[in-house]
Amino acid sequence: MNLSFEVVAGAIGASFLVSITSLSGLFALWIEPERLKRIIPYLLALALGVLLGDTFIHQIPDAVQRQGSISTVCLTVLLGMLLFFFWKNSITSLCDRFITPSIQAIDDTVLRADTRA
């Protein structure tokens, strides 16, 4: 198997760009906590939008091609979303009922453990 220089350079360049992009989360270390607390919901929404966008733009057409029926694929995706929605809500309600006092909720997504003995 003989790979050309362009293929190898492209693969290495893409890996480097993905690595740099993943390290971009380090900017959160230099933001003051109050401002970061306001920004986090927007960053979570962006992450969710990117993941869902990738799913719907790239993965669902492949699934339709393999499955053959678009209605089956869309129904499966919808049922999966509903399943995870109800699963998240049931876990949240259980955690709210049985949560220990040493863990405080900062907001809906971030928990802080009390480290004082």
N, C-alpha and C. Protein backbone atom coordinates (compact mmCIF):
# COMPACT_ATOMS: atom_id res chain seq x y z
N MET A 1 0.85 -1.17 0.00
CA MET A 1 0.00 0.00 0.00
C MET A 1 0.90 1.23 0.00
N ASN A 2 0.78 2.04 -1.02
CA ASN A 2 1.63 3.20 -1.20
C ASN A 2 0.77 4.45 -1.04
N LEU A 3 0.98 5.17 0.04
CA LEU A 3 0.23 6.40 0.28
C LEU A 3 1.01 7.59 -0.25
N SER A 4 0.33 8.49 -0.87
CA SER A 4 0.99 9.66 -1.41
C SER A 4 1.29 10.66 -0.29
N PHE A 5 2.18 11.57 -0.59
CA PHE A 5 2.56 12.59 0.38
C PHE A 5 1.37 13.46 0.76
N GLU A 6 0.49 13.76 -0.19
CA GLU A 6 -0.67 14.61 0.09
C GLU A 6 -1.61 13.96 1.09
N VAL A 7 -1.80 12.65 0.97
CA VAL A 7 -2.70 11.94 1.88
C VAL A 7 -2.12 11.93 3.29
N VAL A 8 -0.84 11.62 3.40
CA VAL A 8 -0.20 11.58 4.72
C VAL A 8 -0.16 12.97 5.34
N ALA A 9 0.20 13.98 4.57
CA ALA A 9 0.25 15.35 5.09
C ALA A 9 -1.15 15.82 5.48
N GLY A 10 -2.15 15.48 4.70
CA GLY A 10 -3.52 15.86 5.04
C GLY A 10 -3.99 15.20 6.32
N ALA A 11 -3.65 13.92 6.52
CA ALA A 11 -4.05 13.21 7.73
C ALA A 11 -3.35 13.81 8.96
N ILE A 12 -2.08 14.09 8.84
CA ILE A 12 -1.34 14.68 9.96
C ILE A 12 -1.85 16.09 10.24
N GLY A 13 -2.10 16.87 9.20
CA GLY A 13 -2.63 18.22 9.39
C GLY A 13 -4.01 18.21 10.03
N ALA A 14 -4.88 17.30 9.60
CA ALA A 14 -6.21 17.21 10.20
C ALA A 14 -6.12 16.80 11.66
N SER A 15 -5.25 15.85 11.98
CA SER A 15 -5.07 15.44 13.37
C SER A 15 -4.56 16.59 14.22
N PHE A 16 -3.64 17.37 13.68
CA PHE A 16 -3.10 18.52 14.41
C PHE A 16 -4.19 19.56 14.66
N LEU A 17 -4.99 19.85 13.64
CA LEU A 17 -6.07 20.84 13.81
C LEU A 17 -7.11 20.38 14.82
N VAL A 18 -7.45 19.10 14.81
CA VAL A 18 -8.41 18.59 15.79
C VAL A 18 -7.82 18.68 17.19
N SER A 19 -6.54 18.39 17.34
CA SER A 19 -5.90 18.48 18.66
C SER A 19 -5.88 19.92 19.16
N ILE A 20 -5.56 20.86 18.30
CA ILE A 20 -5.55 22.28 18.68
C ILE A 20 -6.95 22.73 19.05
N THR A 21 -7.94 22.30 18.30
CA THR A 21 -9.32 22.67 18.58
C THR A 21 -9.76 22.13 19.94
N SER A 22 -9.39 20.91 20.25
CA SER A 22 -9.79 20.34 21.54
C SER A 22 -9.08 21.05 22.70
N LEU A 23 -7.89 21.59 22.46
CA LEU A 23 -7.20 22.33 23.51
C LEU A 23 -7.74 23.75 23.68
N SER A 24 -8.64 24.16 22.81
CA SER A 24 -9.19 25.51 22.93
C SER A 24 -10.04 25.68 24.18
N GLY A 25 -10.43 24.58 24.80
CA GLY A 25 -11.18 24.65 26.05
C GLY A 25 -10.36 25.20 27.21
N LEU A 26 -9.07 25.31 27.04
CA LEU A 26 -8.22 25.86 28.09
C LEU A 26 -8.48 27.34 28.35
N PHE A 27 -9.16 28.01 27.40
CA PHE A 27 -9.44 29.43 27.62
C PHE A 27 -10.31 29.64 28.84
N ALA A 28 -11.06 28.63 29.25
CA ALA A 28 -11.94 28.76 30.41
C ALA A 28 -11.15 28.96 31.70
N LEU A 29 -9.89 28.58 31.71
CA LEU A 29 -9.07 28.75 32.91
C LEU A 29 -8.75 30.22 33.19
N TRP A 30 -8.81 31.06 32.17
CA TRP A 30 -8.45 32.47 32.34
C TRP A 30 -9.66 33.38 32.46
N ILE A 31 -10.84 32.83 32.46
CA ILE A 31 -12.05 33.65 32.59
C ILE A 31 -12.46 33.65 34.06
N GLU A 32 -12.82 34.83 34.56
CA GLU A 32 -13.24 34.91 35.95
C GLU A 32 -14.53 34.09 36.16
N PRO A 33 -14.70 33.53 37.35
CA PRO A 33 -15.81 32.59 37.60
C PRO A 33 -17.21 33.16 37.34
N GLU A 34 -17.43 34.41 37.67
CA GLU A 34 -18.77 34.98 37.45
C GLU A 34 -19.10 35.06 35.97
N ARG A 35 -18.14 35.47 35.18
CA ARG A 35 -18.38 35.56 33.74
C ARG A 35 -18.51 34.16 33.13
N LEU A 36 -17.70 33.23 33.62
CA LEU A 36 -17.76 31.86 33.13
C LEU A 36 -19.12 31.23 33.44
N LYS A 37 -19.66 31.56 34.61
CA LYS A 37 -20.97 31.04 34.99
C LYS A 37 -22.06 31.50 34.02
N ARG A 38 -21.90 32.70 33.47
CA ARG A 38 -22.88 33.20 32.49
C ARG A 38 -22.65 32.60 31.11
N ILE A 39 -21.42 32.23 30.80
CA ILE A 39 -21.09 31.74 29.46
C ILE A 39 -21.37 30.24 29.31
N ILE A 40 -21.27 29.47 30.37
CA ILE A 40 -21.37 28.01 30.29
C ILE A 40 -22.67 27.54 29.62
N PRO A 41 -23.85 28.08 29.94
CA PRO A 41 -25.04 27.59 29.23
C PRO A 41 -24.97 27.78 27.72
N TYR A 42 -24.37 28.86 27.26
CA TYR A 42 -24.24 29.08 25.82
C TYR A 42 -23.25 28.09 25.20
N LEU A 43 -22.16 27.79 25.93
CA LEU A 43 -21.20 26.82 25.42
C LEU A 43 -21.80 25.42 25.36
N LEU A 44 -22.62 25.07 26.36
CA LEU A 44 -23.29 23.78 26.33
C LEU A 44 -24.29 23.69 25.18
N ALA A 45 -25.01 24.78 24.94
CA ALA A 45 -25.95 24.80 23.82
C ALA A 45 -25.22 24.67 22.50
N LEU A 46 -24.06 25.32 22.37
CA LEU A 46 -23.27 25.21 21.15
C LEU A 46 -22.79 23.78 20.95
N ALA A 47 -22.31 23.15 22.02
CA ALA A 47 -21.83 21.77 21.92
C ALA A 47 -22.95 20.83 21.51
N LEU A 48 -24.11 21.00 22.12
CA LEU A 48 -25.26 20.16 21.78
C LEU A 48 -25.69 20.39 20.33
N GLY A 49 -25.70 21.62 19.89
CA GLY A 49 -26.07 21.92 18.52
C GLY A 49 -25.10 21.33 17.51
N VAL A 50 -23.81 21.37 17.83
CA VAL A 50 -22.82 20.79 16.93
C VAL A 50 -22.99 19.28 16.85
N LEU A 51 -23.19 18.63 17.99
CA LEU A 51 -23.36 17.18 17.98
C LEU A 51 -24.64 16.76 17.25
N LEU A 52 -25.74 17.45 17.51
CA LEU A 52 -26.98 17.11 16.81
C LEU A 52 -26.89 17.44 15.32
N GLY A 53 -26.24 18.54 14.99
CA GLY A 53 -26.06 18.89 13.59
C GLY A 53 -25.26 17.85 12.86
N ASP A 54 -24.19 17.37 13.48
CA ASP A 54 -23.39 16.31 12.86
C ASP A 54 -24.22 15.05 12.67
N THR A 55 -25.03 14.74 13.66
CA THR A 55 -25.87 13.55 13.55
C THR A 55 -26.85 13.67 12.41
N PHE A 56 -27.56 14.77 12.36
CA PHE A 56 -28.61 14.88 11.35
C PHE A 56 -28.06 15.11 9.96
N ILE A 57 -26.94 15.77 9.83
CA ILE A 57 -26.41 16.05 8.50
C ILE A 57 -25.62 14.86 7.94
N HIS A 58 -24.90 14.13 8.79
CA HIS A 58 -24.02 13.09 8.28
C HIS A 58 -24.51 11.67 8.55
N GLN A 59 -25.03 11.42 9.73
CA GLN A 59 -25.32 10.05 10.10
C GLN A 59 -26.68 9.55 9.65
N ILE A 60 -27.69 10.40 9.70
CA ILE A 60 -29.03 9.95 9.34
C ILE A 60 -29.14 9.57 7.86
N PRO A 61 -28.57 10.31 6.92
CA PRO A 61 -28.63 9.83 5.54
C PRO A 61 -27.96 8.47 5.34
N ASP A 62 -26.85 8.22 6.04
CA ASP A 62 -26.22 6.91 5.95
C ASP A 62 -27.13 5.83 6.52
N ALA A 63 -27.80 6.14 7.63
CA ALA A 63 -28.72 5.17 8.23
C ALA A 63 -29.90 4.89 7.30
N VAL A 64 -30.40 5.91 6.63
CA VAL A 64 -31.50 5.72 5.68
C VAL A 64 -31.04 4.86 4.52
N GLN A 65 -29.83 5.09 4.06
CA GLN A 65 -29.30 4.29 2.95
C GLN A 65 -29.16 2.82 3.34
N ARG A 66 -28.73 2.57 4.57
CA ARG A 66 -28.56 1.19 5.02
C ARG A 66 -29.90 0.55 5.37
N GLN A 67 -30.78 1.31 6.02
CA GLN A 67 -32.06 0.78 6.47
C GLN A 67 -33.05 0.66 5.31
N GLY A 68 -33.06 1.65 4.45
CA GLY A 68 -33.96 1.64 3.31
C GLY A 68 -35.25 2.39 3.53
N SER A 69 -35.59 2.67 4.78
CA SER A 69 -36.85 3.36 5.07
C SER A 69 -36.57 4.58 5.92
N ILE A 70 -36.91 5.75 5.40
CA ILE A 70 -36.66 6.98 6.14
C ILE A 70 -37.58 7.09 7.35
N SER A 71 -38.80 6.56 7.25
CA SER A 71 -39.72 6.66 8.39
C SER A 71 -39.23 5.81 9.56
N THR A 72 -38.65 4.65 9.29
CA THR A 72 -38.12 3.82 10.37
C THR A 72 -36.95 4.50 11.07
N VAL A 73 -36.07 5.10 10.29
CA VAL A 73 -34.91 5.78 10.86
C VAL A 73 -35.36 6.98 11.69
N CYS A 74 -36.26 7.80 11.17
CA CYS A 74 -36.73 8.98 11.91
C CYS A 74 -37.48 8.58 13.18
N LEU A 75 -38.28 7.52 13.11
CA LEU A 75 -38.99 7.05 14.30
C LEU A 75 -38.00 6.55 15.35
N THR A 76 -36.97 5.85 14.92
CA THR A 76 -35.95 5.36 15.86
C THR A 76 -35.21 6.52 16.51
N VAL A 77 -34.87 7.54 15.75
CA VAL A 77 -34.19 8.72 16.30
C VAL A 77 -35.09 9.43 17.31
N LEU A 78 -36.35 9.60 16.95
CA LEU A 78 -37.30 10.26 17.86
C LEU A 78 -37.49 9.47 19.15
N LEU A 79 -37.63 8.17 19.04
CA LEU A 79 -37.77 7.34 20.24
C LEU A 79 -36.50 7.38 21.10
N GLY A 80 -35.34 7.41 20.47
CA GLY A 80 -34.09 7.52 21.22
C GLY A 80 -33.99 8.83 21.98
N MET A 81 -34.40 9.93 21.33
CA MET A 81 -34.38 11.24 22.01
C MET A 81 -35.35 11.24 23.19
N LEU A 82 -36.53 10.70 22.99
CA LEU A 82 -37.50 10.65 24.09
C LEU A 82 -37.01 9.77 25.23
N LEU A 83 -36.40 8.64 24.89
CA LEU A 83 -35.86 7.75 25.91
C LEU A 83 -34.81 8.46 26.76
N PHE A 84 -33.87 9.15 26.12
CA PHE A 84 -32.84 9.85 26.88
C PHE A 84 -33.41 11.02 27.66
N PHE A 85 -34.44 11.69 27.12
CA PHE A 85 -35.08 12.78 27.86
C PHE A 85 -35.70 12.26 29.15
N PHE A 86 -36.48 11.16 29.06
CA PHE A 86 -37.11 10.61 30.26
C PHE A 86 -36.08 10.01 31.21
N TRP A 87 -35.02 9.43 30.66
CA TRP A 87 -33.97 8.86 31.49
C TRP A 87 -33.27 9.96 32.28
N LYS A 88 -32.94 11.08 31.65
CA LYS A 88 -32.29 12.20 32.31
C LYS A 88 -33.19 12.79 33.39
N ASN A 89 -34.49 12.92 33.09
CA ASN A 89 -35.41 13.47 34.08
C ASN A 89 -35.59 12.54 35.27
N SER A 90 -35.62 11.24 35.05
CA SER A 90 -35.76 10.31 36.17
C SER A 90 -34.50 10.31 37.03
N ILE A 91 -33.33 10.37 36.41
CA ILE A 91 -32.09 10.44 37.19
C ILE A 91 -32.03 11.74 37.98
N THR A 92 -32.44 12.84 37.36
CA THR A 92 -32.42 14.13 38.05
C THR A 92 -33.37 14.11 39.25
N SER A 93 -34.56 13.53 39.08
CA SER A 93 -35.50 13.50 40.20
C SER A 93 -34.99 12.59 41.32
N LEU A 94 -34.33 11.48 40.98
CA LEU A 94 -33.74 10.62 42.00
C LEU A 94 -32.62 11.32 42.73
N CYS A 95 -31.79 12.05 41.99
CA CYS A 95 -30.70 12.78 42.63
C CYS A 95 -31.24 13.89 43.53
N ASP A 96 -32.31 14.55 43.11
CA ASP A 96 -32.90 15.59 43.95
C ASP A 96 -33.49 15.00 45.22
N ARG A 97 -34.00 13.79 45.14
CA ARG A 97 -34.62 13.16 46.31
C ARG A 97 -33.58 12.63 47.28
N PHE A 98 -32.50 12.05 46.78
CA PHE A 98 -31.53 11.37 47.64
C PHE A 98 -30.16 12.04 47.67
N ILE A 99 -30.07 13.30 47.28
CA ILE A 99 -28.77 13.97 47.22
C ILE A 99 -28.27 14.24 48.64
N THR A 100 -26.95 14.13 48.82
CA THR A 100 -26.38 14.38 50.13
C THR A 100 -26.14 15.87 50.30
N PRO A 101 -26.19 16.37 51.52
CA PRO A 101 -26.02 17.81 51.74
C PRO A 101 -24.62 18.32 51.42
N SER A 102 -23.63 17.43 51.25
CA SER A 102 -22.28 17.90 50.98
C SER A 102 -22.09 18.28 49.51
N ILE A 103 -23.08 18.04 48.67
CA ILE A 103 -22.99 18.41 47.27
C ILE A 103 -23.99 19.52 47.00
N GLN A 104 -23.51 20.62 46.44
CA GLN A 104 -24.36 21.77 46.16
C GLN A 104 -24.48 21.96 44.66
N ALA A 105 -25.68 22.30 44.22
CA ALA A 105 -25.88 22.59 42.81
C ALA A 105 -25.56 24.05 42.55
N ILE A 106 -24.61 24.32 41.67
CA ILE A 106 -24.28 25.69 41.28
C ILE A 106 -25.32 26.17 40.28
N ASP A 107 -25.63 25.35 39.31
CA ASP A 107 -26.74 25.60 38.40
C ASP A 107 -27.26 24.24 37.97
N ASP A 108 -28.00 24.15 36.89
CA ASP A 108 -28.63 22.89 36.50
C ASP A 108 -27.64 21.83 36.08
N THR A 109 -26.45 22.23 35.63
CA THR A 109 -25.53 21.25 35.06
C THR A 109 -24.25 21.04 35.87
N VAL A 110 -23.94 21.92 36.80
CA VAL A 110 -22.65 21.84 37.50
C VAL A 110 -22.90 21.57 38.97
N LEU A 111 -22.23 20.55 39.50
CA LEU A 111 -22.30 20.23 40.91
C LEU A 111 -20.93 20.48 41.54
N ARG A 112 -20.94 20.95 42.80
CA ARG A 112 -19.70 21.22 43.49
C ARG A 112 -19.73 20.42 44.80
N ALA A 113 -18.67 19.67 45.05
CA ALA A 113 -18.59 18.91 46.29
C ALA A 113 -17.93 19.77 47.36
N ASP A 114 -18.45 19.70 48.58
CA ASP A 114 -17.88 20.41 49.70
C ASP A 114 -16.69 19.60 50.19
N THR A 115 -15.50 20.15 50.12
CA THR A 115 -14.29 19.40 50.48
C THR A 115 -13.86 19.61 51.91
N ARG A 116 -14.61 20.42 52.64
CA ARG A 116 -14.24 20.65 54.05
C ARG A 116 -14.56 19.41 54.87
N ALA A 117 -13.66 19.09 55.78
CA ALA A 117 -13.86 17.90 56.63
C ALA A 117 -14.62 18.23 57.88
